[in-house]
Amino acid sequence: RAGETVSKADILHHVWDAHYEGDANVVEVYVGYLR
């Protein structure tokens, strides 16, 4: 999705699980790891 803005919800749905019910801040944590 390069060049597109993707929401935390989109990332959780596609990278974690469609039914993920944990802390959405996990996305921020992994973005930090990636950077």
All heavy atoms as atom14 arrays in JSON, in Angstrom:
{
  "sequence": "RAGETVSKADILHHVWDAHYEGDANVVEVYVGYLR",
  "atom14_mask": [
    [1, 1, 1, 1, 1, 1, 1, 1, 1, 1, 1, 0, 0, 0],
    [1, 1, 1, 1, 1, 0, 0, 0, 0, 0, 0, 0, 0, 0],
    [1, 1, 1, 1, 0, 0, 0, 0, 0, 0, 0, 0, 0, 0],
    [1, 1, 1, 1, 1, 1, 1, 1, 1, 0, 0, 0, 0, 0],
    [1, 1, 1, 1, 1, 1, 1, 0, 0, 0, 0, 0, 0, 0],
    [1, 1, 1, 1, 1, 1, 1, 0, 0, 0, 0, 0, 0, 0],
    [1, 1, 1, 1, 1, 1, 0, 0, 0, 0, 0, 0, 0, 0],
    [1, 1, 1, 1, 1, 1, 1, 1, 1, 0, 0, 0, 0, 0],
    [1, 1, 1, 1, 1, 0, 0, 0, 0, 0, 0, 0, 0, 0],
    [1, 1, 1, 1, 1, 1, 1, 1, 0, 0, 0, 0, 0, 0],
    [1, 1, 1, 1, 1, 1, 1, 1, 0, 0, 0, 0, 0, 0],
    [1, 1, 1, 1, 1, 1, 1, 1, 0, 0, 0, 0, 0, 0],
    [1, 1, 1, 1, 1, 1, 1, 1, 1, 1, 0, 0, 0, 0],
    [1, 1, 1, 1, 1, 1, 1, 1, 1, 1, 0, 0, 0, 0],
    [1, 1, 1, 1, 1, 1, 1, 0, 0, 0, 0, 0, 0, 0],
    [1, 1, 1, 1, 1, 1, 1, 1, 1, 1, 1, 1, 1, 1],
    [1, 1, 1, 1, 1, 1, 1, 1, 0, 0, 0, 0, 0, 0],
    [1, 1, 1, 1, 1, 0, 0, 0, 0, 0, 0, 0, 0, 0],
    [1, 1, 1, 1, 1, 1, 1, 1, 1, 1, 0, 0, 0, 0],
    [1, 1, 1, 1, 1, 1, 1, 1, 1, 1, 1, 1, 0, 0],
    [1, 1, 1, 1, 1, 1, 1, 1, 1, 0, 0, 0, 0, 0],
    [1, 1, 1, 1, 0, 0, 0, 0, 0, 0, 0, 0, 0, 0],
    [1, 1, 1, 1, 1, 1, 1, 1, 0, 0, 0, 0, 0, 0],
    [1, 1, 1, 1, 1, 0, 0, 0, 0, 0, 0, 0, 0, 0],
    [1, 1, 1, 1, 1, 1, 1, 1, 0, 0, 0, 0, 0, 0],
    [1, 1, 1, 1, 1, 1, 1, 0, 0, 0, 0, 0, 0, 0],
    [1, 1, 1, 1, 1, 1, 1, 0, 0, 0, 0, 0, 0, 0],
    [1, 1, 1, 1, 1, 1, 1, 1, 1, 0, 0, 0, 0, 0],
    [1, 1, 1, 1, 1, 1, 1, 0, 0, 0, 0, 0, 0, 0],
    [1, 1, 1, 1, 1, 1, 1, 1, 1, 1, 1, 1, 0, 0],
    [1, 1, 1, 1, 1, 1, 1, 0, 0, 0, 0, 0, 0, 0],
    [1, 1, 1, 1, 0, 0, 0, 0, 0, 0, 0, 0, 0, 0],
    [1, 1, 1, 1, 1, 1, 1, 1, 1, 1, 1, 1, 0, 0],
    [1, 1, 1, 1, 1, 1, 1, 1, 0, 0, 0, 0, 0, 0],
    [1, 1, 1, 1, 1, 1, 1, 1, 1, 1, 1, 0, 0, 0]
  ],
  "atom14_positions": [
    [[0.85, -1.21, 0.0], [0.0, 0.0, 0.0], [0.88, 1.26, 0.0], [0.46, 2.3, 0.51], [-0.88, -0.01, 1.26], [-1.78, -1.23, 1.42], [-2.97, -1.18, 0.5], [-3.84, -0.08, 0.82], [-4.81, -0.12, 1.73], [-5.03, -1.23, 2.41], [-5.57, 0.93, 1.95], [0.0, 0.0, 0.0], [0.0, 0.0, 0.0], [0.0, 0.0, 0.0]],
    [[2.07, 1.16, -0.54], [3.03, 2.27, -0.51], [2.42, 3.56, -1.04], [1.75, 3.57, -2.07], [4.28, 1.91, -1.31], [0.0, 0.0, 0.0], [0.0, 0.0, 0.0], [0.0, 0.0, 0.0], [0.0, 0.0, 0.0], [0.0, 0.0, 0.0], [0.0, 0.0, 0.0], [0.0, 0.0, 0.0], [0.0, 0.0, 0.0], [0.0, 0.0, 0.0]],
    [[2.65, 4.64, -0.31], [2.12, 5.94, -0.69], [0.72, 6.2, -0.16], [0.24, 7.34, -0.23], [0.0, 0.0, 0.0], [0.0, 0.0, 0.0], [0.0, 0.0, 0.0], [0.0, 0.0, 0.0], [0.0, 0.0, 0.0], [0.0, 0.0, 0.0], [0.0, 0.0, 0.0], [0.0, 0.0, 0.0], [0.0, 0.0, 0.0], [0.0, 0.0, 0.0]],
    [[0.05, 5.17, 0.36], [-1.29, 5.32, 0.91], [-1.23, 5.39, 2.43], [-0.35, 4.79, 3.06], [-2.18, 4.13, 0.52], [-2.33, 3.92, -0.97], [-3.18, 2.68, -1.27], [-4.01, 2.31, -0.42], [-2.98, 2.08, -2.34], [0.0, 0.0, 0.0], [0.0, 0.0, 0.0], [0.0, 0.0, 0.0], [0.0, 0.0, 0.0], [0.0, 0.0, 0.0]],
    [[-2.16, 6.11, 3.02], [-2.28, 6.14, 4.48], [-3.18, 5.0, 4.92], [-4.31, 4.87, 4.42], [-2.85, 7.49, 4.95], [-1.97, 8.55, 4.57], [-3.0, 7.5, 6.47], [0.0, 0.0, 0.0], [0.0, 0.0, 0.0], [0.0, 0.0, 0.0], [0.0, 0.0, 0.0], [0.0, 0.0, 0.0], [0.0, 0.0, 0.0], [0.0, 0.0, 0.0]],
    [[-2.68, 4.18, 5.83], [-3.47, 3.05, 6.33], [-3.67, 3.24, 7.83], [-2.76, 3.64, 8.55], [-2.79, 1.69, 6.04], [-2.8, 1.41, 4.55], [-1.37, 1.65, 6.57], [0.0, 0.0, 0.0], [0.0, 0.0, 0.0], [0.0, 0.0, 0.0], [0.0, 0.0, 0.0], [0.0, 0.0, 0.0], [0.0, 0.0, 0.0], [0.0, 0.0, 0.0]],
    [[-4.88, 2.97, 8.28], [-5.22, 3.18, 9.68], [-4.71, 2.03, 10.55], [-4.36, 0.95, 10.06], [-6.73, 3.3, 9.84], [-7.35, 2.04, 9.56], [0.0, 0.0, 0.0], [0.0, 0.0, 0.0], [0.0, 0.0, 0.0], [0.0, 0.0, 0.0], [0.0, 0.0, 0.0], [0.0, 0.0, 0.0], [0.0, 0.0, 0.0], [0.0, 0.0, 0.0]],
    [[-4.68, 2.26, 11.87], [-4.33, 1.19, 12.8], [-5.29, 0.02, 12.65], [-4.89, -1.14, 12.71], [-4.37, 1.71, 14.24], [-3.17, 2.51, 14.66], [-3.26, 2.82, 16.15], [-2.05, 3.63, 16.61], [-2.13, 3.92, 18.07], [0.0, 0.0, 0.0], [0.0, 0.0, 0.0], [0.0, 0.0, 0.0], [0.0, 0.0, 0.0], [0.0, 0.0, 0.0]],
    [[-6.57, 0.34, 12.45], [-7.58, -0.72, 12.31], [-7.29, -1.57, 11.08], [-7.4, -2.81, 11.12], [-8.97, -0.12, 12.23], [0.0, 0.0, 0.0], [0.0, 0.0, 0.0], [0.0, 0.0, 0.0], [0.0, 0.0, 0.0], [0.0, 0.0, 0.0], [0.0, 0.0, 0.0], [0.0, 0.0, 0.0], [0.0, 0.0, 0.0], [0.0, 0.0, 0.0]],
    [[-6.92, -0.93, 9.97], [-6.58, -1.67, 8.75], [-5.38, -2.59, 9.0], [-5.37, -3.75, 8.58], [-6.24, -0.71, 7.61], [-7.46, 0.01, 7.06], [-8.57, -0.54, 7.2], [-7.3, 1.11, 6.49], [0.0, 0.0, 0.0], [0.0, 0.0, 0.0], [0.0, 0.0, 0.0], [0.0, 0.0, 0.0], [0.0, 0.0, 0.0], [0.0, 0.0, 0.0]],
    [[-4.37, -2.05, 9.67], [-3.17, -2.84, 9.94], [-3.48, -4.02, 10.85], [-3.04, -5.15, 10.59], [-2.07, -1.94, 10.56], [-1.6, -0.92, 9.52], [-0.9, -2.78, 11.05], [-0.66, 0.14, 10.07], [0.0, 0.0, 0.0], [0.0, 0.0, 0.0], [0.0, 0.0, 0.0], [0.0, 0.0, 0.0], [0.0, 0.0, 0.0], [0.0, 0.0, 0.0]],
    [[-4.25, -3.78, 11.89], [-4.63, -4.88, 12.79], [-5.38, -5.96, 12.04], [-5.16, -7.16, 12.25], [-5.49, -4.35, 13.95], [-4.75, -3.56, 15.03], [-5.75, -2.94, 16.0], [-3.78, -4.47, 15.79], [0.0, 0.0, 0.0], [0.0, 0.0, 0.0], [0.0, 0.0, 0.0], [0.0, 0.0, 0.0], [0.0, 0.0, 0.0], [0.0, 0.0, 0.0]],
    [[-6.27, -5.56, 11.15], [-7.1, -6.51, 10.41], [-6.25, -7.36, 9.47], [-6.45, -8.56, 9.35], [-8.16, -5.76, 9.6], [-9.07, -6.64, 8.82], [-10.18, -7.23, 9.38], [-9.03, -7.06, 7.53], [-10.79, -7.96, 8.46], [-10.1, -7.88, 7.33], [0.0, 0.0, 0.0], [0.0, 0.0, 0.0], [0.0, 0.0, 0.0], [0.0, 0.0, 0.0]],
    [[-5.27, -6.73, 8.81], [-4.5, -7.44, 7.79], [-3.23, -8.11, 8.33], [-2.78, -9.11, 7.76], [-4.13, -6.49, 6.65], [-5.3, -6.07, 5.81], [-5.78, -6.84, 4.78], [-6.08, -4.98, 5.88], [-6.82, -6.23, 4.23], [-7.03, -5.1, 4.87], [0.0, 0.0, 0.0], [0.0, 0.0, 0.0], [0.0, 0.0, 0.0], [0.0, 0.0, 0.0]],
    [[-2.65, -7.55, 9.38], [-1.37, -8.07, 9.86], [-1.53, -8.93, 11.1], [-0.79, -9.89, 11.29], [-0.39, -6.9, 10.13], [0.94, -7.41, 10.68], [-0.18, -6.09, 8.85], [0.0, 0.0, 0.0], [0.0, 0.0, 0.0], [0.0, 0.0, 0.0], [0.0, 0.0, 0.0], [0.0, 0.0, 0.0], [0.0, 0.0, 0.0], [0.0, 0.0, 0.0]],
    [[-2.5, -8.61, 11.93], [-2.75, -9.41, 13.11], [-3.9, -10.38, 12.83], [-3.68, -11.46, 12.35], [-3.03, -8.51, 14.32], [-1.78, -8.14, 15.06], [-1.29, -8.7, 16.2], [-0.84, -7.11, 14.71], [-0.11, -8.12, 16.57], [0.19, -7.13, 15.68], [-0.75, -6.19, 13.67], [1.29, -6.26, 15.63], [0.32, -5.33, 13.62], [1.33, -5.36, 14.58]],
    [[-5.11, -9.96, 13.05], [-6.25, -10.86, 12.87], [-7.5, -10.02, 12.73], [-7.64, -8.98, 13.37], [-6.36, -11.81, 14.09], [-7.47, -12.82, 13.91], [-8.62, -12.5, 14.25], [-7.2, -13.92, 13.4], [0.0, 0.0, 0.0], [0.0, 0.0, 0.0], [0.0, 0.0, 0.0], [0.0, 0.0, 0.0], [0.0, 0.0, 0.0], [0.0, 0.0, 0.0]],
    [[-8.43, -10.51, 11.9], [-9.67, -9.76, 11.69], [-10.45, -9.61, 12.98], [-11.26, -8.69, 13.13], [-10.52, -10.45, 10.64], [0.0, 0.0, 0.0], [0.0, 0.0, 0.0], [0.0, 0.0, 0.0], [0.0, 0.0, 0.0], [0.0, 0.0, 0.0], [0.0, 0.0, 0.0], [0.0, 0.0, 0.0], [0.0, 0.0, 0.0], [0.0, 0.0, 0.0]],
    [[-10.22, -10.52, 13.93], [-10.97, -10.51, 15.2], [-10.07, -10.15, 16.37], [-10.38, -10.47, 17.52], [-11.63, -11.86, 15.42], [-12.49, -12.3, 14.27], [-13.69, -11.69, 13.95], [-12.31, -13.28, 13.34], [-14.21, -12.28, 12.89], [-13.4, -13.24, 12.5], [0.0, 0.0, 0.0], [0.0, 0.0, 0.0], [0.0, 0.0, 0.0], [0.0, 0.0, 0.0]],
    [[-8.94, -9.49, 16.1], [-8.01, -9.12, 17.17], [-8.7, -8.18, 18.16], [-9.34, -7.21, 17.78], [-6.79, -8.43, 16.56], [-5.78, -7.95, 17.58], [-4.89, -8.83, 18.17], [-5.73, -6.61, 17.96], [-3.97, -8.4, 19.11], [-4.81, -6.16, 18.88], [-3.92, -7.06, 19.46], [-3.01, -6.62, 20.38], [0.0, 0.0, 0.0], [0.0, 0.0, 0.0]],
    [[-8.57, -8.51, 19.44], [-9.24, -7.72, 20.47], [-8.26, -7.16, 21.49], [-8.66, -6.68, 22.55], [-10.3, -8.56, 21.19], [-11.43, -9.01, 20.26], [-12.47, -9.85, 20.97], [-12.25, -10.2, 22.14], [-13.51, -10.15, 20.35], [0.0, 0.0, 0.0], [0.0, 0.0, 0.0], [0.0, 0.0, 0.0], [0.0, 0.0, 0.0], [0.0, 0.0, 0.0]],
    [[-6.95, -7.23, 21.18], [-5.95, -6.71, 22.11], [-5.8, -5.21, 21.99], [-6.61, -4.52, 21.38], [0.0, 0.0, 0.0], [0.0, 0.0, 0.0], [0.0, 0.0, 0.0], [0.0, 0.0, 0.0], [0.0, 0.0, 0.0], [0.0, 0.0, 0.0], [0.0, 0.0, 0.0], [0.0, 0.0, 0.0], [0.0, 0.0, 0.0], [0.0, 0.0, 0.0]],
    [[-4.73, -4.7, 22.59], [-4.45, -3.27, 22.61], [-4.02, -2.81, 21.21], [-3.05, -3.32, 20.65], [-3.34, -3.0, 23.62], [-3.12, -1.51, 23.87], [-3.65, -0.69, 23.07], [-2.43, -1.17, 24.83], [0.0, 0.0, 0.0], [0.0, 0.0, 0.0], [0.0, 0.0, 0.0], [0.0, 0.0, 0.0], [0.0, 0.0, 0.0], [0.0, 0.0, 0.0]],
    [[-4.73, -1.83, 20.67], [-4.4, -1.33, 19.32], [-3.04, -0.65, 19.28], [-2.45, -0.5, 18.21], [-5.48, -0.35, 18.86], [0.0, 0.0, 0.0], [0.0, 0.0, 0.0], [0.0, 0.0, 0.0], [0.0, 0.0, 0.0], [0.0, 0.0, 0.0], [0.0, 0.0, 0.0], [0.0, 0.0, 0.0], [0.0, 0.0, 0.0], [0.0, 0.0, 0.0]],
    [[-2.5, -0.29, 20.46], [-1.19, 0.36, 20.48], [-0.06, -0.59, 20.09], [1.08, -0.15, 19.9], [-0.91, 0.94, 21.87], [-1.73, 2.2, 22.14], [-2.07, 2.93, 21.2], [-2.07, 2.44, 23.39], [0.0, 0.0, 0.0], [0.0, 0.0, 0.0], [0.0, 0.0, 0.0], [0.0, 0.0, 0.0], [0.0, 0.0, 0.0], [0.0, 0.0, 0.0]],
    [[-0.38, -1.88, 19.96], [0.63, -2.83, 19.51], [1.14, -2.42, 18.11], [2.3, -2.67, 17.77], [0.08, -4.27, 19.5], [-0.98, -4.45, 18.4], [1.19, -5.29, 19.33], [0.0, 0.0, 0.0], [0.0, 0.0, 0.0], [0.0, 0.0, 0.0], [0.0, 0.0, 0.0], [0.0, 0.0, 0.0], [0.0, 0.0, 0.0], [0.0, 0.0, 0.0]],
    [[0.29, -1.79, 17.31], [0.71, -1.33, 15.99], [1.81, -0.28, 16.12], [2.84, -0.35, 15.44], [-0.48, -0.74, 15.21], [-0.01, -0.12, 13.9], [-1.53, -1.8, 14.94], [0.0, 0.0, 0.0], [0.0, 0.0, 0.0], [0.0, 0.0, 0.0], [0.0, 0.0, 0.0], [0.0, 0.0, 0.0], [0.0, 0.0, 0.0], [0.0, 0.0, 0.0]],
    [[1.62, 0.68, 17.04], [2.62, 1.72, 17.26], [3.95, 1.11, 17.7], [5.03, 1.53, 17.25], [2.11, 2.7, 18.31], [3.0, 3.89, 18.54], [2.4, 4.87, 19.54], [1.17, 4.83, 19.73], [3.16, 5.66, 20.11], [0.0, 0.0, 0.0], [0.0, 0.0, 0.0], [0.0, 0.0, 0.0], [0.0, 0.0, 0.0], [0.0, 0.0, 0.0]],
    [[3.87, 0.1, 18.55], [5.08, -0.58, 19.04], [5.84, -1.21, 17.87], [7.06, -1.04, 17.74], [4.72, -1.65, 20.09], [5.95, -2.48, 20.44], [4.16, -0.99, 21.34], [0.0, 0.0, 0.0], [0.0, 0.0, 0.0], [0.0, 0.0, 0.0], [0.0, 0.0, 0.0], [0.0, 0.0, 0.0], [0.0, 0.0, 0.0], [0.0, 0.0, 0.0]],
    [[5.12, -1.93, 17.0], [5.78, -2.62, 15.9], [6.25, -1.66, 14.82], [7.25, -1.92, 14.14], [4.87, -3.71, 15.33], [5.06, -5.01, 16.06], [4.37, -5.27, 17.24], [5.97, -5.97, 15.61], [4.55, -6.44, 17.94], [6.16, -7.15, 16.31], [5.45, -7.38, 17.47], [5.66, -8.55, 18.17], [0.0, 0.0, 0.0], [0.0, 0.0, 0.0]],
    [[5.55, -0.55, 14.63], [6.04, 0.47, 13.72], [7.39, 1.0, 14.22], [8.33, 1.22, 13.44], [5.02, 1.61, 13.56], [5.67, 2.83, 12.89], [3.83, 1.15, 12.75], [0.0, 0.0, 0.0], [0.0, 0.0, 0.0], [0.0, 0.0, 0.0], [0.0, 0.0, 0.0], [0.0, 0.0, 0.0], [0.0, 0.0, 0.0], [0.0, 0.0, 0.0]],
    [[7.5, 1.16, 15.54], [8.77, 1.58, 16.13], [9.87, 0.58, 15.89], [11.01, 0.95, 15.54], [0.0, 0.0, 0.0], [0.0, 0.0, 0.0], [0.0, 0.0, 0.0], [0.0, 0.0, 0.0], [0.0, 0.0, 0.0], [0.0, 0.0, 0.0], [0.0, 0.0, 0.0], [0.0, 0.0, 0.0], [0.0, 0.0, 0.0], [0.0, 0.0, 0.0]],
    [[9.56, -0.71, 16.08], [10.54, -1.76, 15.79], [11.02, -1.67, 14.34], [12.21, -1.78, 14.04], [9.94, -3.14, 16.02], [9.59, -3.48, 17.45], [8.64, -4.46, 17.72], [10.2, -2.84, 18.52], [8.31, -4.81, 19.02], [9.87, -3.16, 19.83], [8.91, -4.16, 20.07], [8.59, -4.49, 21.35], [0.0, 0.0, 0.0], [0.0, 0.0, 0.0]],
    [[10.06, -1.49, 13.43], [10.36, -1.46, 12.0], [11.26, -0.26, 11.66], [12.25, -0.41, 10.92], [9.05, -1.39, 11.22], [9.02, -1.97, 9.8], [9.5, -3.4, 9.78], [7.59, -1.87, 9.25], [0.0, 0.0, 0.0], [0.0, 0.0, 0.0], [0.0, 0.0, 0.0], [0.0, 0.0, 0.0], [0.0, 0.0, 0.0], [0.0, 0.0, 0.0]],
    [[10.94, 0.9, 12.22], [11.75, 2.09, 11.96], [13.2, 1.89, 12.41], [14.13, 2.34, 11.74], [11.14, 3.29, 12.68], [9.9, 3.86, 12.01], [9.25, 4.89, 12.89], [8.21, 5.62, 12.18], [7.17, 6.2, 12.77], [7.03, 6.11, 14.1], [6.26, 6.84, 12.06], [0.0, 0.0, 0.0], [0.0, 0.0, 0.0], [0.0, 0.0, 0.0]]
  ]
}
